[in-house]
Amino acid sequence: MKARVHIMLKDGVLDPQGAAVRHALGTLGFDGVTAVRQGKVIELDLAGTDKAAAEAEVKAMCEKLLANTVIEKFSIEIA
């Protein structure tokens, strides 16, 4: 089983990397980009076969290590 975790900064949290990307795109002629939010994707290969148990386990991983839940939000896909 494979899990994919999408982690993004929460709304209202400043994103300096996103601002730098937006600025760089503007200097390359992509003037229509008004904002960029940068995040990360983490893929996990899981040994189990129970989708509900896998989602609960990955959620615990996010809360304990993978995401800083004070400033980041996350979503989980299990396939």
PDB file of N, CA and C in Angstrom:
ATOM      1  N   MET A   1       0.844  -1.161   0.000  1.00  0.00           N
ATOM      2  CA  MET A   1       0.000   0.000   0.000  1.00  0.00           C
ATOM      3  C   MET A   1       0.900   1.238   0.000  1.00  0.00           C
ATOM      4  N   LYS A   2       0.409   2.294  -0.611  1.00  0.00           N
ATOM      5  CA  LYS A   2       1.185   3.536  -0.702  1.00  0.00           C
ATOM      6  C   LYS A   2       0.368   4.672  -0.094  1.00  0.00           C
ATOM      7  N   ALA A   3       1.035   5.511   0.657  1.00  0.00           N
ATOM      8  CA  ALA A   3       0.395   6.704   1.217  1.00  0.00           C
ATOM      9  C   ALA A   3       1.118   7.931   0.675  1.00  0.00           C
ATOM     10  N   ARG A   4       0.337   8.941   0.349  1.00  0.00           N
ATOM     11  CA  ARG A   4       0.901  10.212  -0.098  1.00  0.00           C
ATOM     12  C   ARG A   4       0.375  11.292   0.843  1.00  0.00           C
ATOM     13  N   VAL A   5       1.297  12.051   1.422  1.00  0.00           N
ATOM     14  CA  VAL A   5       0.949  13.115   2.364  1.00  0.00           C
ATOM     15  C   VAL A   5       1.296  14.448   1.710  1.00  0.00           C
ATOM     16  N   HIS A   6       0.310  15.339   1.632  1.00  0.00           N
ATOM     17  CA  HIS A   6       0.520  16.694   1.120  1.00  0.00           C
ATOM     18  C   HIS A   6       0.560  17.628   2.326  1.00  0.00           C
ATOM     19  N   ILE A   7       1.626  18.400   2.443  1.00  0.00           N
ATOM     20  CA  ILE A   7       1.794  19.311   3.573  1.00  0.00           C
ATOM     21  C   ILE A   7       1.940  20.734   3.030  1.00  0.00           C
ATOM     22  N   MET A   8       1.124  21.632   3.548  1.00  0.00           N
ATOM     23  CA  MET A   8       1.158  23.040   3.143  1.00  0.00           C
ATOM     24  C   MET A   8       1.116  23.918   4.389  1.00  0.00           C
ATOM     25  N   LEU A   9       1.651  25.116   4.264  1.00  0.00           N
ATOM     26  CA  LEU A   9       1.517  26.077   5.356  1.00  0.00           C
ATOM     27  C   LEU A   9       0.050  26.459   5.507  1.00  0.00           C
ATOM     28  N   LYS A  10      -0.385  26.677   6.731  1.00  0.00           N
ATOM     29  CA  LYS A  10      -1.755  27.103   6.970  1.00  0.00           C
ATOM     30  C   LYS A  10      -1.969  28.498   6.389  1.00  0.00           C
ATOM     31  N   ASP A  11      -3.229  28.805   6.064  1.00  0.00           N
ATOM     32  CA  ASP A  11      -3.568  30.140   5.584  1.00  0.00           C
ATOM     33  C   ASP A  11      -3.166  31.167   6.636  1.00  0.00           C
ATOM     34  N   GLY A  12      -2.611  32.264   6.187  1.00  0.00           N
ATOM     35  CA  GLY A  12      -2.191  33.313   7.103  1.00  0.00           C
ATOM     36  C   GLY A  12      -0.749  33.211   7.563  1.00  0.00           C
ATOM     37  N   VAL A  13      -0.100  32.059   7.338  1.00  0.00           N
ATOM     38  CA  VAL A  13       1.309  31.898   7.691  1.00  0.00           C
ATOM     39  C   VAL A  13       2.142  32.385   6.505  1.00  0.00           C
ATOM     40  N   LEU A  14       3.082  33.269   6.771  1.00  0.00           N
ATOM     41  CA  LEU A  14       3.924  33.799   5.697  1.00  0.00           C
ATOM     42  C   LEU A  14       4.724  32.675   5.040  1.00  0.00           C
ATOM     43  N   ASP A  15       4.862  32.754   3.720  1.00  0.00           N
ATOM     44  CA  ASP A  15       5.563  31.739   2.946  1.00  0.00           C
ATOM     45  C   ASP A  15       6.695  32.410   2.156  1.00  0.00           C
ATOM     46  N   PRO A  16       7.868  32.616   2.765  1.00  0.00           N
ATOM     47  CA  PRO A  16       8.951  33.305   2.064  1.00  0.00           C
ATOM     48  C   PRO A  16       9.437  32.545   0.833  1.00  0.00           C
ATOM     49  N   GLN A  17       9.429  31.213   0.868  1.00  0.00           N
ATOM     50  CA  GLN A  17       9.846  30.456  -0.315  1.00  0.00           C
ATOM     51  C   GLN A  17       8.852  30.670  -1.456  1.00  0.00           C
ATOM     52  N   GLY A  18       7.577  30.665  -1.133  1.00  0.00           N
ATOM     53  CA  GLY A  18       6.558  30.925  -2.155  1.00  0.00           C
ATOM     54  C   GLY A  18       6.716  32.317  -2.746  1.00  0.00           C
ATOM     55  N   ALA A  19       7.004  33.307  -1.897  1.00  0.00           N
ATOM     56  CA  ALA A  19       7.205  34.680  -2.375  1.00  0.00           C
ATOM     57  C   ALA A  19       8.416  34.756  -3.299  1.00  0.00           C
ATOM     58  N   ALA A  20       9.481  34.034  -2.958  1.00  0.00           N
ATOM     59  CA  ALA A  20      10.678  34.029  -3.809  1.00  0.00           C
ATOM     60  C   ALA A  20      10.383  33.392  -5.167  1.00  0.00           C
ATOM     61  N   VAL A  21       9.616  32.320  -5.167  1.00  0.00           N
ATOM     62  CA  VAL A  21       9.245  31.674  -6.434  1.00  0.00           C
ATOM     63  C   VAL A  21       8.382  32.610  -7.269  1.00  0.00           C
ATOM     64  N   ARG A  22       7.406  33.280  -6.627  1.00  0.00           N
ATOM     65  CA  ARG A  22       6.554  34.225  -7.356  1.00  0.00           C
ATOM     66  C   ARG A  22       7.388  35.332  -7.980  1.00  0.00           C
ATOM     67  N   HIS A  23       8.337  35.866  -7.215  1.00  0.00           N
ATOM     68  CA  HIS A  23       9.210  36.925  -7.738  1.00  0.00           C
ATOM     69  C   HIS A  23      10.040  36.408  -8.914  1.00  0.00           C
ATOM     70  N   ALA A  24      10.611  35.221  -8.781  1.00  0.00           N
ATOM     71  CA  ALA A  24      11.430  34.654  -9.858  1.00  0.00           C
ATOM     72  C   ALA A  24      10.599  34.427 -11.115  1.00  0.00           C
ATOM     73  N   LEU A  25       9.376  33.954 -10.951  1.00  0.00           N
ATOM     74  CA  LEU A  25       8.511  33.766 -12.116  1.00  0.00           C
ATOM     75  C   LEU A  25       8.245  35.097 -12.809  1.00  0.00           C
ATOM     76  N   GLY A  26       8.039  36.150 -12.008  1.00  0.00           N
ATOM     77  CA  GLY A  26       7.830  37.478 -12.591  1.00  0.00           C
ATOM     78  C   GLY A  26       9.029  37.954 -13.393  1.00  0.00           C
ATOM     79  N   THR A  27      10.232  37.700 -12.896  1.00  0.00           N
ATOM     80  CA  THR A  27      11.433  38.125 -13.621  1.00  0.00           C
ATOM     81  C   THR A  27      11.640  37.301 -14.886  1.00  0.00           C
ATOM     82  N   LEU A  28      11.035  36.132 -14.954  1.00  0.00           N
ATOM     83  CA  LEU A  28      11.120  35.300 -16.164  1.00  0.00           C
ATOM     84  C   LEU A  28      10.001  35.606 -17.156  1.00  0.00           C
ATOM     85  N   GLY A  29       9.183  36.601 -16.835  1.00  0.00           N
ATOM     86  CA  GLY A  29       8.134  37.019 -17.755  1.00  0.00           C
ATOM     87  C   GLY A  29       6.763  36.429 -17.462  1.00  0.00           C
ATOM     88  N   PHE A  30       6.606  35.692 -16.410  1.00  0.00           N
ATOM     89  CA  PHE A  30       5.310  35.126 -16.042  1.00  0.00           C
ATOM     90  C   PHE A  30       4.613  36.085 -15.084  1.00  0.00           C
ATOM     91  N   ASP A  31       4.097  37.186 -15.637  1.00  0.00           N
ATOM     92  CA  ASP A  31       3.559  38.269 -14.822  1.00  0.00           C
ATOM     93  C   ASP A  31       2.169  37.977 -14.263  1.00  0.00           C
ATOM     94  N   GLY A  32       1.487  36.962 -14.753  1.00  0.00           N
ATOM     95  CA  GLY A  32       0.132  36.666 -14.309  1.00  0.00           C
ATOM     96  C   GLY A  32       0.052  35.922 -12.985  1.00  0.00           C
ATOM     97  N   VAL A  33       1.184  35.540 -12.416  1.00  0.00           N
ATOM     98  CA  VAL A  33       1.181  34.812 -11.146  1.00  0.00           C
ATOM     99  C   VAL A  33       1.152  35.829 -10.018  1.00  0.00           C
ATOM    100  N   THR A  34       0.069  35.818  -9.241  1.00  0.00           N
ATOM    101  CA  THR A  34      -0.073  36.817  -8.173  1.00  0.00           C
ATOM    102  C   THR A  34       0.327  36.284  -6.804  1.00  0.00           C
ATOM    103  N   ALA A  35       0.353  34.960  -6.638  1.00  0.00           N
ATOM    104  CA  ALA A  35       0.749  34.388  -5.352  1.00  0.00           C
ATOM    105  C   ALA A  35       1.200  32.946  -5.555  1.00  0.00           C
ATOM    106  N   VAL A  36       2.137  32.503  -4.727  1.00  0.00           N
ATOM    107  CA  VAL A  36       2.617  31.122  -4.752  1.00  0.00           C
ATOM    108  C   VAL A  36       2.686  30.637  -3.309  1.00  0.00           C
ATOM    109  N   ARG A  37       2.180  29.443  -3.064  1.00  0.00           N
ATOM    110  CA  ARG A  37       2.328  28.771  -1.773  1.00  0.00           C
ATOM    111  C   ARG A  37       3.101  27.495  -2.050  1.00  0.00           C
ATOM    112  N   GLN A  38       4.168  27.283  -1.341  1.00  0.00           N
ATOM    113  CA  GLN A  38       5.012  26.111  -1.556  1.00  0.00           C
ATOM    114  C   GLN A  38       4.771  25.111  -0.442  1.00  0.00           C
ATOM    115  N   GLY A  39       4.714  23.851  -0.806  1.00  0.00           N
ATOM    116  CA  GLY A  39       4.523  22.801   0.176  1.00  0.00           C
ATOM    117  C   GLY A  39       5.437  21.635  -0.117  1.00  0.00           C
ATOM    118  N   LYS A  40       5.090  20.479   0.453  1.00  0.00           N
ATOM    119  CA  LYS A  40       5.893  19.287   0.203  1.00  0.00           C
ATOM    120  C   LYS A  40       4.970  18.076   0.117  1.00  0.00           C
ATOM    121  N   VAL A  41       5.453  17.063  -0.580  1.00  0.00           N
ATOM    122  CA  VAL A  41       4.743  15.795  -0.705  1.00  0.00           C
ATOM    123  C   VAL A  41       5.669  14.700  -0.210  1.00  0.00           C
ATOM    124  N   ILE A  42       5.135  13.838   0.638  1.00  0.00           N
ATOM    125  CA  ILE A  42       5.897  12.707   1.166  1.00  0.00           C
ATOM    126  C   ILE A  42       5.166  11.437   0.772  1.00  0.00           C
ATOM    127  N   GLU A  43       5.864  10.499   0.131  1.00  0.00           N
ATOM    128  CA  GLU A  43       5.282   9.208  -0.231  1.00  0.00           C
ATOM    129  C   GLU A  43       5.841   8.127   0.686  1.00  0.00           C
ATOM    130  N   LEU A  44       4.956   7.307   1.185  1.00  0.00           N
ATOM    131  CA  LEU A  44       5.334   6.227   2.099  1.00  0.00           C
ATOM    132  C   LEU A  44       4.849   4.899   1.522  1.00  0.00           C
ATOM    133  N   ASP A  45       5.706   3.894   1.503  1.00  0.00           N
ATOM    134  CA  ASP A  45       5.302   2.531   1.164  1.00  0.00           C
ATOM    135  C   ASP A  45       4.990   1.827   2.472  1.00  0.00           C
ATOM    136  N   LEU A  46       3.780   1.306   2.573  1.00  0.00           N
ATOM    137  CA  LEU A  46       3.311   0.687   3.811  1.00  0.00           C
ATOM    138  C   LEU A  46       3.110  -0.806   3.611  1.00  0.00           C
ATOM    139  N   ALA A  47       3.398  -1.582   4.645  1.00  0.00           N
ATOM    140  CA  ALA A  47       3.307  -3.036   4.559  1.00  0.00           C
ATOM    141  C   ALA A  47       1.880  -3.543   4.752  1.00  0.00           C
ATOM    142  N   GLY A  48       1.034  -2.830   5.463  1.00  0.00           N
ATOM    143  CA  GLY A  48      -0.304  -3.315   5.787  1.00  0.00           C
ATOM    144  C   GLY A  48      -1.248  -3.325   4.601  1.00  0.00           C
ATOM    145  N   THR A  49      -2.437  -3.899   4.819  1.00  0.00           N
ATOM    146  CA  THR A  49      -3.468  -3.952   3.773  1.00  0.00           C
ATOM    147  C   THR A  49      -4.773  -3.309   4.220  1.00  0.00           C
ATOM    148  N   ASP A  50      -4.872  -2.910   5.482  1.00  0.00           N
ATOM    149  CA  ASP A  50      -6.085  -2.279   6.010  1.00  0.00           C
ATOM    150  C   ASP A  50      -5.994  -0.770   5.791  1.00  0.00           C
ATOM    151  N   LYS A  51      -6.843  -0.262   4.882  1.00  0.00           N
ATOM    152  CA  LYS A  51      -6.774   1.145   4.501  1.00  0.00           C
ATOM    153  C   LYS A  51      -7.059   2.080   5.678  1.00  0.00           C
ATOM    154  N   ALA A  52      -8.058   1.755   6.487  1.00  0.00           N
ATOM    155  CA  ALA A  52      -8.411   2.609   7.630  1.00  0.00           C
ATOM    156  C   ALA A  52      -7.278   2.646   8.657  1.00  0.00           C
ATOM    157  N   ALA A  53      -6.678   1.494   8.931  1.00  0.00           N
ATOM    158  CA  ALA A  53      -5.565   1.445   9.885  1.00  0.00           C
ATOM    159  C   ALA A  53      -4.358   2.209   9.341  1.00  0.00           C
ATOM    160  N   ALA A  54      -4.113   2.085   8.045  1.00  0.00           N
ATOM    161  CA  ALA A  54      -2.992   2.801   7.429  1.00  0.00           C
ATOM    162  C   ALA A  54      -3.190   4.304   7.526  1.00  0.00           C
ATOM    163  N   GLU A  55      -4.413   4.760   7.261  1.00  0.00           N
ATOM    164  CA  GLU A  55      -4.682   6.197   7.337  1.00  0.00           C
ATOM    165  C   GLU A  55      -4.495   6.712   8.762  1.00  0.00           C
ATOM    166  N   ALA A  56      -4.944   5.952   9.747  1.00  0.00           N
ATOM    167  CA  ALA A  56      -4.768   6.350  11.143  1.00  0.00           C
ATOM    168  C   ALA A  56      -3.285   6.398  11.514  1.00  0.00           C
ATOM    169  N   GLU A  57      -2.533   5.420  11.046  1.00  0.00           N
ATOM    170  CA  GLU A  57      -1.099   5.385  11.349  1.00  0.00           C
ATOM    171  C   GLU A  57      -0.362   6.554  10.699  1.00  0.00           C
ATOM    172  N   VAL A  58      -0.684   6.849   9.440  1.00  0.00           N
ATOM    173  CA  VAL A  58      -0.028   7.956   8.742  1.00  0.00           C
ATOM    174  C   VAL A  58      -0.422   9.282   9.389  1.00  0.00           C
ATOM    175  N   LYS A  59      -1.669   9.405   9.834  1.00  0.00           N
ATOM    176  CA  LYS A  59      -2.089  10.624  10.537  1.00  0.00           C
ATOM    177  C   LYS A  59      -1.238  10.808  11.794  1.00  0.00           C
ATOM    178  N   ALA A  60      -1.017   9.740  12.542  1.00  0.00           N
ATOM    179  CA  ALA A  60      -0.170   9.823  13.740  1.00  0.00           C
ATOM    180  C   ALA A  60       1.255  10.222  13.366  1.00  0.00           C
ATOM    181  N   MET A  61       1.769   9.694  12.268  1.00  0.00           N
ATOM    182  CA  MET A  61       3.117  10.069  11.801  1.00  0.00           C
ATOM    183  C   MET A  61       3.188  11.567  11.515  1.00  0.00           C
ATOM    184  N   CYS A  62       2.146  12.084  10.860  1.00  0.00           N
ATOM    185  CA  CYS A  62       2.113  13.516  10.532  1.00  0.00           C
ATOM    186  C   CYS A  62       2.086  14.368  11.789  1.00  0.00           C
ATOM    187  N   GLU A  63       1.257  13.961  12.738  1.00  0.00           N
ATOM    188  CA  GLU A  63       1.115  14.746  13.967  1.00  0.00           C
ATOM    189  C   GLU A  63       2.367  14.705  14.833  1.00  0.00           C
ATOM    190  N   LYS A  64       3.124  13.608  14.766  1.00  0.00           N
ATOM    191  CA  LYS A  64       4.310  13.462  15.614  1.00  0.00           C
ATOM    192  C   LYS A  64       5.611  13.897  14.948  1.00  0.00           C
ATOM    193  N   LEU A  65       5.691  13.817  13.606  1.00  0.00           N
ATOM    194  CA  LEU A  65       6.977  14.071  12.953  1.00  0.00           C
ATOM    195  C   LEU A  65       6.887  14.798  11.617  1.00  0.00           C
ATOM    196  N   LEU A  66       6.043  14.337  10.721  1.00  0.00           N
ATOM    197  CA  LEU A  66       6.114  14.795   9.334  1.00  0.00           C
ATOM    198  C   LEU A  66       5.657  16.233   9.128  1.00  0.00           C
ATOM    199  N   ALA A  67       4.693  16.697   9.913  1.00  0.00           N
ATOM    200  CA  ALA A  67       4.175  18.058   9.756  1.00  0.00           C
ATOM    201  C   ALA A  67       4.293  18.812  11.068  1.00  0.00           C
ATOM    202  N   ASN A  68       4.562  20.098  10.962  1.00  0.00           N
ATOM    203  CA  ASN A  68       4.524  20.984  12.129  1.00  0.00           C
ATOM    204  C   ASN A  68       3.094  21.512  12.204  1.00  0.00           C
ATOM    205  N   THR A  69       2.255  20.856  12.999  1.00  0.00           N
ATOM    206  CA  THR A  69       0.829  21.158  12.989  1.00  0.00           C
ATOM    207  C   THR A  69       0.474  22.537  13.540  1.00  0.00           C
ATOM    208  N   VAL A  70       1.441  23.223  14.108  1.00  0.00           N
ATOM    209  CA  VAL A  70       1.194  24.595  14.561  1.00  0.00           C
ATOM    210  C   VAL A  70       1.048  25.516  13.350  1.00  0.00           C
ATOM    211  N   ILE A  71       1.871  25.292  12.314  1.00  0.00           N
ATOM    212  CA  ILE A  71       1.857  26.190  11.151  1.00  0.00           C
ATOM    213  C   ILE A  71       1.523  25.481   9.842  1.00  0.00           C
ATOM    214  N   GLU A  72       1.420  24.154   9.863  1.00  0.00           N
ATOM    215  CA  GLU A  72       1.168  23.414   8.624  1.00  0.00           C
ATOM    216  C   GLU A  72      -0.118  22.582   8.735  1.00  0.00           C
ATOM    217  N   LYS A  73      -0.753  22.404   7.588  1.00  0.00           N
ATOM    218  CA  LYS A  73      -1.891  21.495   7.479  1.00  0.00           C
ATOM    219  C   LYS A  73      -1.469  20.356   6.555  1.00  0.00           C
ATOM    220  N   PHE A  74      -2.152  19.213   6.682  1.00  0.00           N
ATOM    221  CA  PHE A  74      -1.787  18.082   5.839  1.00  0.00           C
ATOM    222  C   PHE A  74      -3.032  17.338   5.386  1.00  0.00           C
ATOM    223  N   SER A  75      -2.882  16.637   4.268  1.00  0.00           N
ATOM    224  CA  SER A  75      -3.933  15.737   3.787  1.00  0.00           C
ATOM    225  C   SER A  75      -3.262  14.444   3.394  1.00  0.00           C
ATOM    226  N   ILE A  76      -4.021  13.363   3.499  1.00  0.00           N
ATOM    227  CA  ILE A  76      -3.476  12.019   3.286  1.00  0.00           C
ATOM    228  C   ILE A  76      -4.262  11.311   2.193  1.00  0.00           C
ATOM    229  N   GLU A  77      -3.550  10.680   1.267  1.00  0.00           N
ATOM    230  CA  GLU A  77      -4.151   9.808   0.255  1.00  0.00           C
ATOM    231  C   GLU A  77      -3.584   8.408   0.462  1.00  0.00           C
ATOM    232  N   ILE A  78      -4.451   7.416   0.522  1.00  0.00           N
ATOM    233  CA  ILE A  78      -4.010   6.024   0.635  1.00  0.00           C
ATOM    234  C   ILE A  78      -4.419   5.299  -0.629  1.00  0.00           C
ATOM    235  N   ALA A  79      -3.474   4.612  -1.238  1.00  0.00           N
ATOM    236  CA  ALA A  79      -3.770   3.846  -2.464  1.00  0.00           C
ATOM    237  C   ALA A  79      -3.198   2.457  -2.369  1.00  0.00           C
TER     238      ALA A  79
END
